[in-house]
Amino acid sequence: MKTEFTADQRANPLIQMMEENLRKCVHCGFCLSACPTYSVLGDERDSPRGRIYLIKDMLEQGGAPEPEIVNHVDRCLSCLACMTACPSGVHYQHYIDHARSFVEDNYQRPWFDRLLRNVLAGILPYAGRFKLALSLARLAKPFASLLGSKLAGIINMAPSSLPPAVLPEGAQVFPAAGEAKKRIALLPGCAQKILRPSINEATIRLLTRAGVEVVIAGGLGCCGALSHHLGKDEAARVFAKANIDAWMQEIDNTGLDAIVINAAGCGTEVKDYGFLLKDDPLYSEKAAKISNLAKDVTEVIAELDLPEANKTELPNIVYHDACSLMHGQGITRQPRDQLKEVGFEIAEIPGHHFCCGSAGSYNLLQPAMADQLKERRLNKLEGVADASMLGTGNIGCLVQLASGTTLPVVHTVELLDWATGGPKPQS
């Protein structure tokens, strides 16, 4: 792809990286069929190839972008299916992340959109604030129809109740059953430990049962993905640095074999810390180290001997690939292999894999598109015979899909824990 950046623009290392990435695009169009928004809207400007052109023009021109370009950038899910489809190795993840940051720094959004995005950035990454916001949203539900369609949609998404948290806050150590084979740090997440704390509890039970000492480092917070996808790069770096400091202290004191992450969206972000902080002289090396240690929970389990299954009858499972796991981390085989190993029959959702519409805060900011994608995904379940549970590896997908189906939607690790001695997952 031809570019027309000025000499001054090319002096910027970030523009240099973007330009190198842009030139990999050969306009083949393989990404179009992989893109959920293009499949719904049929507008190439809402495809990866179209957005690449729009963003290129935006960056070349500099200054405030046109509202139309911003709309097309905003409608991107960051599902990263285009990266899986691309034969040329265009790193669309970094490209769209930079576009969002550019928009955030150079575009004056309408006041309500600006307020909503700032409120989400100030609440979602903070577990205490998030829990309080959910409580207030439940109280506001009777009046939701008076607050406008977008705000009403957000309020109505709040669950009627929250499960009790079992794990205390702060640093903790969970010893391995028997001799410890590995010492692994768990990222408990922010939204996950409020909406579905049982995922972390199942992870700890399963790993300690398999001979792993699990630690939760003191000082952990949000992974930074929510801020990053809103274009708030500096906030994302602050979150990343806090987590890096917490994990480096564990590494320096006792050592870690891995950092386990059971929310796929968080995993994709932490695995990219090395890039996010590559220009930071104090953190670049540490960030790269942390990224190399980060693993999805199924990657960790694949390196261990799973406890022997003790359930004789297990339900048939239909499995949904979280985009952040499938495309962001390239993990598809491990969850299926592990579920089959402990005795589950796995069915696949028929047809092309598309995002469920959750995508971090996307379902809050783009509810109409998110609902269409959710319904399309769930409609495919009708072709799956005898499935009595839906499994997935990301809290966002779990909540999104559960809002539209009567099937119990559970995390992969909850199923594995159940089959090897843990309690039956509560949906």
Protein backbone atom coordinates (compact mmCIF):
# COMPACT_ATOMS: atom_id res chain seq x y z
CA MET A 1 0.00 0.00 0.00
CA LYS A 2 1.39 3.40 -1.00
CA THR A 3 1.70 5.96 1.77
CA GLU A 4 2.24 9.73 1.72
CA PHE A 5 3.52 10.60 5.17
CA THR A 6 5.65 13.73 5.42
CA ALA A 7 9.30 13.64 6.47
CA ASP A 8 8.31 15.08 9.86
CA GLN A 9 5.67 12.38 10.31
CA ARG A 10 8.15 9.65 9.38
CA ALA A 11 10.49 10.91 12.10
CA ASN A 12 7.93 9.59 14.59
CA PRO A 13 8.85 5.96 15.49
CA LEU A 14 5.16 5.08 15.82
CA ILE A 15 4.39 6.36 12.33
CA GLN A 16 7.40 4.40 11.05
CA MET A 17 5.95 1.25 12.56
CA MET A 18 2.50 2.00 11.18
CA GLU A 19 3.86 2.68 7.71
CA GLU A 20 5.81 -0.58 7.69
CA ASN A 21 2.67 -2.40 8.72
CA LEU A 22 0.59 -0.62 6.08
CA ARG A 23 2.93 -1.63 3.29
CA LYS A 24 2.29 -5.29 4.06
CA CYS A 25 -1.33 -4.93 2.93
CA VAL A 26 -1.70 -6.20 -0.67
CA HIS A 27 -5.41 -5.38 -0.93
CA CYS A 28 -6.30 -9.07 -1.36
CA GLY A 29 -9.61 -8.80 0.50
CA PHE A 30 -9.26 -12.06 2.45
CA CYS A 31 -10.11 -10.09 5.58
CA LEU A 32 -13.55 -9.09 4.32
CA SER A 33 -15.19 -12.48 4.75
CA ALA A 34 -13.69 -12.79 8.25
CA CYS A 35 -15.03 -9.43 9.47
CA PRO A 36 -18.26 -9.49 11.51
CA THR A 37 -19.21 -5.86 10.89
CA TYR A 38 -18.68 -6.14 7.15
CA SER A 39 -20.80 -9.30 7.07
CA VAL A 40 -23.68 -7.39 8.69
CA LEU A 41 -23.37 -3.98 7.00
CA GLY A 42 -21.82 -4.86 3.62
CA ASP A 43 -19.93 -1.55 3.63
CA GLU A 44 -16.23 -1.91 2.87
CA ARG A 45 -15.52 1.06 5.13
CA ASP A 46 -16.62 -1.28 7.93
CA SER A 47 -14.14 -3.95 6.88
CA PRO A 48 -10.47 -4.25 7.90
CA ARG A 49 -9.27 -3.30 4.40
CA GLY A 50 -11.59 -0.31 4.30
CA ARG A 51 -10.61 0.84 7.78
CA ILE A 52 -6.92 0.53 6.88
CA TYR A 53 -7.43 3.00 4.02
CA LEU A 54 -9.49 5.37 6.15
CA ILE A 55 -7.00 5.32 9.02
CA LYS A 56 -4.07 5.80 6.64
CA ASP A 57 -5.71 8.93 5.25
CA MET A 58 -6.53 10.13 8.77
CA LEU A 59 -2.94 9.75 9.94
CA GLU A 60 -1.48 11.34 6.80
CA GLN A 61 -3.73 14.37 7.07
CA GLY A 62 -3.22 14.81 10.80
CA GLY A 63 -5.44 17.08 12.85
CA ALA A 64 -9.05 16.37 13.77
CA PRO A 65 -10.48 13.37 11.89
CA GLU A 66 -13.84 13.49 10.14
CA PRO A 67 -16.81 12.17 12.15
CA GLU A 68 -17.51 9.57 9.46
CA ILE A 69 -14.03 8.08 9.85
CA VAL A 70 -14.45 8.00 13.62
CA ASN A 71 -17.75 6.12 13.24
CA HIS A 72 -16.11 3.42 11.13
CA VAL A 73 -13.20 3.11 13.58
CA ASP A 74 -15.63 2.90 16.50
CA ARG A 75 -17.59 0.10 14.84
CA CYS A 76 -14.52 -2.17 14.78
CA LEU A 77 -14.82 -4.93 17.40
CA SER A 78 -11.07 -5.65 17.59
CA CYS A 79 -12.03 -9.31 17.27
CA LEU A 80 -8.79 -9.72 15.23
CA ALA A 81 -10.34 -12.32 12.91
CA CYS A 82 -8.76 -10.34 10.09
CA MET A 83 -5.29 -11.13 11.45
CA THR A 84 -6.04 -14.84 11.30
CA ALA A 85 -7.28 -14.45 7.71
CA CYS A 86 -4.49 -12.14 6.47
CA PRO A 87 -1.85 -13.93 4.33
CA SER A 88 0.51 -10.93 4.46
CA GLY A 89 0.94 -10.58 8.22
CA VAL A 90 -0.66 -7.16 8.65
CA HIS A 91 -0.76 -6.55 12.42
CA TYR A 92 -4.21 -5.00 12.53
CA GLN A 93 -4.33 -5.08 16.35
CA HIS A 94 -1.63 -2.44 16.71
CA TYR A 95 -3.02 -0.51 13.77
CA ILE A 96 -6.54 -0.13 15.17
CA ASP A 97 -5.19 0.53 18.68
CA HIS A 98 -3.16 3.46 17.36
CA ALA A 99 -6.14 4.75 15.40
CA ARG A 100 -8.26 4.79 18.56
CA SER A 101 -5.52 6.63 20.43
CA PHE A 102 -5.26 9.19 17.62
CA VAL A 103 -9.03 9.72 17.67
CA GLU A 104 -9.01 10.11 21.46
CA ASP A 105 -6.28 12.77 21.25
CA ASN A 106 -7.56 14.70 18.22
CA TYR A 107 -11.33 14.38 17.98
CA GLN A 108 -13.98 16.20 20.00
CA ARG A 109 -16.83 13.72 20.43
CA PRO A 110 -20.41 14.80 21.10
CA TRP A 111 -20.82 15.53 24.79
CA PHE A 112 -22.88 12.44 25.64
CA ASP A 113 -20.50 10.04 23.89
CA ARG A 114 -17.57 11.72 25.58
CA LEU A 115 -19.25 11.48 28.97
CA LEU A 116 -20.24 7.85 28.49
CA ARG A 117 -16.76 6.77 27.45
CA ASN A 118 -15.17 8.61 30.37
CA VAL A 119 -17.65 7.07 32.81
CA LEU A 120 -16.93 3.58 31.49
CA ALA A 121 -13.19 4.20 31.70
CA GLY A 122 -13.59 5.42 35.26
CA ILE A 123 -15.75 2.50 36.43
CA LEU A 124 -15.19 -0.76 34.54
CA PRO A 125 -11.48 -1.25 35.37
CA TYR A 126 -12.07 -0.78 39.11
CA ALA A 127 -13.77 -3.70 40.83
CA GLY A 128 -15.17 -1.69 43.73
CA ARG A 129 -16.59 1.06 41.53
CA PHE A 130 -17.96 -1.53 39.11
CA LYS A 131 -19.78 -3.38 41.87
CA LEU A 132 -21.28 -0.13 43.17
CA ALA A 133 -22.34 0.88 39.64
CA LEU A 134 -24.12 -2.44 39.14
CA SER A 135 -26.02 -1.93 42.41
CA LEU A 136 -27.09 1.56 41.33
CA ALA A 137 -28.07 0.26 37.88
CA ARG A 138 -30.41 -2.29 39.46
CA LEU A 139 -32.10 0.50 41.40
CA ALA A 140 -32.44 2.56 38.21
CA LYS A 141 -34.04 -0.21 36.10
CA PRO A 142 -37.65 0.90 36.75
CA PHE A 143 -36.75 4.31 35.30
CA ALA A 144 -34.52 3.10 32.45
CA SER A 145 -37.04 3.94 29.71
CA LEU A 146 -36.79 7.61 30.67
CA LEU A 147 -33.02 7.77 30.14
CA GLY A 148 -32.62 7.26 26.39
CA SER A 149 -32.05 4.05 24.43
CA LYS A 150 -28.28 3.72 24.88
CA LEU A 151 -28.24 4.46 28.61
CA ALA A 152 -31.33 2.31 29.15
CA GLY A 153 -29.62 -0.57 27.37
CA ILE A 154 -26.60 -0.31 29.65
CA ILE A 155 -28.75 -0.20 32.78
CA ASN A 156 -30.85 -3.17 31.69
CA MET A 157 -27.70 -5.25 31.17
CA ALA A 158 -26.96 -5.14 34.90
CA PRO A 159 -27.63 -8.53 36.53
CA SER A 160 -30.47 -8.81 39.02
CA SER A 161 -28.01 -10.08 41.63
CA LEU A 162 -24.31 -10.70 42.07
CA PRO A 163 -22.71 -13.93 43.30
CA PRO A 164 -20.90 -13.76 46.61
CA ALA A 165 -17.15 -13.40 46.46
CA VAL A 166 -15.29 -16.14 48.30
CA LEU A 167 -11.69 -15.06 47.75
CA PRO A 168 -10.51 -12.17 49.93
CA GLU A 169 -8.84 -9.15 48.38
CA GLY A 170 -5.07 -8.67 48.36
CA ALA A 171 -2.05 -10.94 48.14
CA GLN A 172 -2.69 -14.62 48.67
CA VAL A 173 -0.96 -17.97 48.32
CA PHE A 174 -2.75 -21.24 47.60
CA PRO A 175 -0.47 -24.23 48.19
CA ALA A 176 -0.31 -27.15 45.81
CA ALA A 177 -1.83 -30.47 46.75
CA GLY A 178 1.30 -32.50 47.43
CA GLU A 179 4.67 -31.47 46.05
CA ALA A 180 4.55 -28.26 44.05
CA LYS A 181 5.48 -28.78 40.40
CA LYS A 182 5.09 -25.12 39.41
CA ARG A 183 4.57 -21.72 41.00
CA ILE A 184 2.13 -19.64 39.00
CA ALA A 185 0.62 -16.19 39.48
CA LEU A 186 -3.09 -15.68 38.74
CA LEU A 187 -4.56 -12.45 37.39
CA PRO A 188 -8.00 -12.33 39.08
CA GLY A 189 -9.31 -9.61 36.75
CA CYS A 190 -11.64 -6.73 37.51
CA ALA A 191 -15.09 -7.36 36.02
CA GLN A 192 -14.69 -11.13 36.24
CA LYS A 193 -14.22 -11.29 39.99
CA ILE A 194 -17.45 -9.32 40.42
CA LEU A 195 -19.62 -10.97 37.76
CA ARG A 196 -18.34 -14.56 38.03
CA PRO A 197 -15.90 -15.11 40.93
CA SER A 198 -16.42 -18.86 40.56
CA ILE A 199 -14.08 -18.80 37.53
CA ASN A 200 -11.12 -17.80 39.70
CA GLU A 201 -12.16 -20.23 42.41
CA ALA A 202 -12.35 -23.09 39.87
CA THR A 203 -8.97 -22.10 38.44
CA ILE A 204 -7.32 -22.22 41.85
CA ARG A 205 -8.92 -25.57 42.75
CA LEU A 206 -7.96 -27.16 39.44
CA LEU A 207 -4.37 -25.93 39.40
CA THR A 208 -3.61 -26.73 43.04
CA ARG A 209 -5.15 -30.19 42.51
CA ALA A 210 -2.71 -30.62 39.61
CA GLY A 211 0.30 -29.75 41.79
CA VAL A 212 0.61 -26.00 41.24
CA GLU A 213 1.18 -23.36 43.88
CA VAL A 214 -1.04 -20.43 42.89
CA VAL A 215 -0.27 -16.91 44.07
CA ILE A 216 -2.17 -13.67 43.71
CA ALA A 217 0.32 -10.84 43.89
CA GLY A 218 -0.44 -7.75 45.92
CA GLY A 219 -1.16 -4.56 44.00
CA LEU A 220 -2.79 -6.11 40.91
CA GLY A 221 -5.49 -4.23 39.05
CA CYS A 222 -7.11 -4.15 35.64
CA CYS A 223 -4.98 -5.47 32.79
CA GLY A 224 -5.53 -2.20 30.90
CA ALA A 225 -7.48 -3.62 27.96
CA LEU A 226 -10.66 -1.66 28.67
CA SER A 227 -8.79 1.64 28.72
CA HIS A 228 -6.66 0.66 25.73
CA HIS A 229 -9.66 -0.13 23.54
CA LEU A 230 -11.18 3.24 24.44
CA GLY A 231 -8.06 4.93 23.06
CA LYS A 232 -6.80 5.88 26.52
CA ASP A 233 -3.27 4.59 26.07
CA GLU A 234 -1.71 6.36 29.02
CA ALA A 235 -4.25 4.88 31.42
CA ALA A 236 -3.57 1.44 29.92
CA ARG A 237 0.16 1.92 30.53
CA VAL A 238 -0.46 2.91 34.15
CA PHE A 239 -2.45 -0.30 34.72
CA ALA A 240 0.20 -2.37 32.93
CA LYS A 241 3.05 -0.91 34.98
CA ALA A 242 1.27 -1.60 38.27
CA ASN A 243 0.74 -5.23 37.30
CA ILE A 244 4.31 -5.58 36.06
CA ASP A 245 5.62 -4.20 39.36
CA ALA A 246 3.48 -6.67 41.32
CA TRP A 247 4.58 -9.67 39.28
CA MET A 248 8.23 -8.65 39.16
CA GLN A 249 8.27 -8.57 42.94
CA GLU A 250 7.05 -12.18 42.97
CA ILE A 251 9.63 -13.12 40.36
CA ASP A 252 12.46 -11.47 42.28
CA ASN A 253 11.40 -12.91 45.66
CA THR A 254 10.40 -16.52 44.96
CA GLY A 255 10.19 -16.86 41.18
CA LEU A 256 7.30 -17.64 38.82
CA ASP A 257 6.94 -20.31 36.18
CA ALA A 258 4.05 -18.54 34.48
CA ILE A 259 1.36 -15.91 34.83
CA VAL A 260 -1.99 -17.58 34.27
CA ILE A 261 -4.90 -15.61 32.85
CA ASN A 262 -8.40 -17.07 32.61
CA ALA A 263 -10.07 -14.12 30.85
CA ALA A 264 -9.05 -14.28 27.20
CA GLY A 265 -9.41 -10.54 26.65
CA CYS A 266 -7.00 -9.87 29.51
CA GLY A 267 -4.62 -12.51 28.18
CA THR A 268 -4.36 -10.84 24.79
CA GLU A 269 -3.58 -7.52 26.48
CA VAL A 270 -0.96 -8.84 28.91
CA LYS A 271 0.75 -10.78 26.13
CA ASP A 272 1.09 -7.42 24.35
CA TYR A 273 2.64 -5.53 27.28
CA GLY A 274 6.02 -5.84 25.60
CA PHE A 275 4.75 -3.82 22.66
CA LEU A 276 2.70 -1.37 24.73
CA LEU A 277 5.77 -0.39 26.77
CA LYS A 278 8.51 -1.01 24.20
CA ASP A 279 9.62 2.64 24.25
CA ASP A 280 9.65 2.99 28.04
CA PRO A 281 13.28 2.84 29.23
CA LEU A 282 12.27 1.70 32.71
CA TYR A 283 9.68 -0.90 31.74
CA SER A 284 10.41 -2.20 28.24
CA GLU A 285 12.55 -5.13 29.38
CA LYS A 286 10.30 -6.02 32.31
CA ALA A 287 7.19 -5.76 30.12
CA ALA A 288 8.66 -8.14 27.56
CA LYS A 289 9.48 -10.60 30.35
CA ILE A 290 5.95 -10.49 31.71
CA SER A 291 4.46 -10.94 28.24
CA ASN A 292 6.61 -14.02 27.71
CA LEU A 293 5.42 -15.49 31.02
CA ALA A 294 1.72 -14.82 30.36
CA LYS A 295 -0.36 -17.86 29.43
CA ASP A 296 -4.01 -18.67 29.08
CA VAL A 297 -5.18 -21.15 31.69
CA THR A 298 -5.58 -23.85 29.02
CA GLU A 299 -1.93 -23.37 27.98
CA VAL A 300 -0.87 -23.97 31.58
CA ILE A 301 -3.11 -27.02 31.93
CA ALA A 302 -1.64 -28.46 28.73
CA GLU A 303 1.74 -28.57 30.49
CA LEU A 304 0.33 -30.45 33.49
CA ASP A 305 -1.25 -33.81 34.14
CA LEU A 306 -4.94 -33.14 34.60
CA PRO A 307 -6.43 -34.75 37.70
CA GLU A 308 -8.31 -37.92 36.85
CA ALA A 309 -11.92 -37.34 35.91
CA ASN A 310 -14.35 -38.68 38.51
CA LYS A 311 -17.68 -37.95 36.84
CA THR A 312 -19.31 -40.80 34.95
CA GLU A 313 -22.03 -38.76 33.26
CA LEU A 314 -21.26 -35.34 31.84
CA PRO A 315 -23.47 -33.20 29.59
CA ASN A 316 -22.79 -32.54 25.92
CA ILE A 317 -21.08 -29.20 25.43
CA VAL A 318 -21.26 -26.77 22.55
CA TYR A 319 -18.11 -24.67 22.47
CA HIS A 320 -17.75 -21.00 21.52
CA ASP A 321 -14.29 -19.66 20.69
CA ALA A 322 -13.64 -16.31 22.31
CA CYS A 323 -12.14 -14.06 19.62
CA SER A 324 -9.41 -12.87 21.98
CA LEU A 325 -8.41 -16.50 22.51
CA MET A 326 -8.83 -17.75 18.95
CA HIS A 327 -7.45 -14.77 17.04
CA GLY A 328 -5.67 -12.72 19.68
CA GLN A 329 -3.70 -15.67 21.10
CA GLY A 330 -4.06 -18.39 18.47
CA ILE A 331 -5.54 -20.88 20.95
CA THR A 332 -8.24 -23.23 19.65
CA ARG A 333 -7.09 -26.81 20.22
CA GLN A 334 -6.20 -26.82 23.94
CA PRO A 335 -9.67 -26.16 25.43
CA ARG A 336 -11.30 -28.75 23.19
CA ASP A 337 -8.65 -31.38 23.87
CA GLN A 338 -8.89 -30.84 27.62
CA LEU A 339 -12.66 -30.97 27.73
CA LYS A 340 -12.65 -34.19 25.72
CA GLU A 341 -9.93 -35.66 27.94
CA VAL A 342 -12.11 -35.37 31.06
CA GLY A 343 -15.15 -36.87 29.33
CA PHE A 344 -17.19 -34.11 27.68
CA GLU A 345 -18.65 -34.55 24.22
CA ILE A 346 -17.91 -31.38 22.27
CA ALA A 347 -20.09 -30.01 19.51
CA GLU A 348 -19.22 -27.04 17.35
CA ILE A 349 -21.46 -24.10 16.51
CA PRO A 350 -22.09 -24.61 12.79
CA GLY A 351 -21.15 -22.06 10.15
CA HIS A 352 -18.51 -19.36 10.06
CA HIS A 353 -17.06 -18.25 13.38
CA PHE A 354 -18.01 -14.68 14.15
CA CYS A 355 -17.68 -12.56 17.26
CA CYS A 356 -20.54 -12.72 19.78
CA GLY A 357 -20.56 -8.92 20.03
CA SER A 358 -19.20 -8.51 23.56
CA ALA A 359 -15.69 -7.21 22.73
CA GLY A 360 -14.86 -5.51 26.03
CA SER A 361 -17.09 -2.43 26.28
CA TYR A 362 -18.30 -2.72 22.66
CA ASN A 363 -21.73 -4.07 23.64
CA LEU A 364 -22.18 -0.96 25.80
CA LEU A 365 -21.03 1.53 23.15
CA GLN A 366 -22.42 -0.19 20.04
CA PRO A 367 -25.45 -2.07 21.39
CA ALA A 368 -27.32 -2.43 18.09
CA MET A 369 -24.42 -4.12 16.30
CA ALA A 370 -23.56 -6.18 19.39
CA ASP A 371 -27.13 -7.47 19.63
CA GLN A 372 -27.17 -8.47 15.97
CA LEU A 373 -23.94 -10.41 16.35
CA LYS A 374 -25.15 -12.09 19.54
CA GLU A 375 -28.41 -13.19 17.95
CA ARG A 376 -26.64 -14.50 14.86
CA ARG A 377 -24.26 -16.51 17.01
CA LEU A 378 -26.99 -17.92 19.22
CA ASN A 379 -29.25 -18.74 16.27
CA LYS A 380 -26.60 -21.17 15.10
CA LEU A 381 -27.10 -23.12 18.32
CA GLU A 382 -30.42 -24.32 17.00
CA GLY A 383 -28.51 -26.65 14.70
CA VAL A 384 -26.65 -28.29 17.57
CA ALA A 385 -28.45 -31.39 18.80
CA ASP A 386 -28.40 -32.50 22.44
CA ALA A 387 -26.18 -29.68 23.70
CA SER A 388 -27.08 -28.85 27.29
CA MET A 389 -24.27 -26.39 28.12
CA LEU A 390 -22.30 -23.75 26.26
CA GLY A 391 -18.63 -23.42 27.12
CA THR A 392 -16.29 -20.51 26.43
CA GLY A 393 -13.02 -19.06 27.69
CA ASN A 394 -13.79 -15.40 28.31
CA ILE A 395 -16.00 -13.60 30.82
CA GLY A 396 -17.23 -11.08 28.23
CA CYS A 397 -18.46 -13.81 25.87
CA LEU A 398 -19.99 -15.68 28.79
CA VAL A 399 -22.08 -12.71 29.94
CA GLN A 400 -23.01 -11.68 26.40
CA LEU A 401 -24.19 -15.13 25.31
CA ALA A 402 -25.94 -15.90 28.60
CA SER A 403 -28.13 -12.83 28.10
CA GLY A 404 -29.71 -14.42 25.02
CA THR A 405 -30.01 -18.15 25.73
CA THR A 406 -31.55 -20.46 28.29
CA LEU A 407 -28.54 -22.79 28.02
CA PRO A 408 -26.13 -22.54 30.94
CA VAL A 409 -23.03 -20.69 29.75
CA VAL A 410 -19.91 -21.65 31.69
CA HIS A 411 -16.19 -21.12 31.55
CA THR A 412 -13.91 -23.88 30.28
CA VAL A 413 -12.02 -24.04 33.56
CA GLU A 414 -15.28 -24.44 35.53
CA LEU A 415 -16.11 -27.49 33.41
CA LEU A 416 -12.65 -28.98 33.88
CA ASP A 417 -12.80 -28.38 37.62
CA TRP A 418 -16.25 -29.98 37.85
CA ALA A 419 -15.19 -33.08 35.94
CA THR A 420 -12.14 -33.60 38.19
CA GLY A 421 -13.64 -33.11 41.62
CA GLY A 422 -15.00 -29.57 41.87
CA PRO A 423 -18.61 -28.40 42.23
CA LYS A 424 -21.04 -28.21 39.34
CA PRO A 425 -20.88 -24.74 37.73
CA GLN A 426 -23.69 -22.37 38.56
CA SER A 427 -24.89 -20.44 35.54
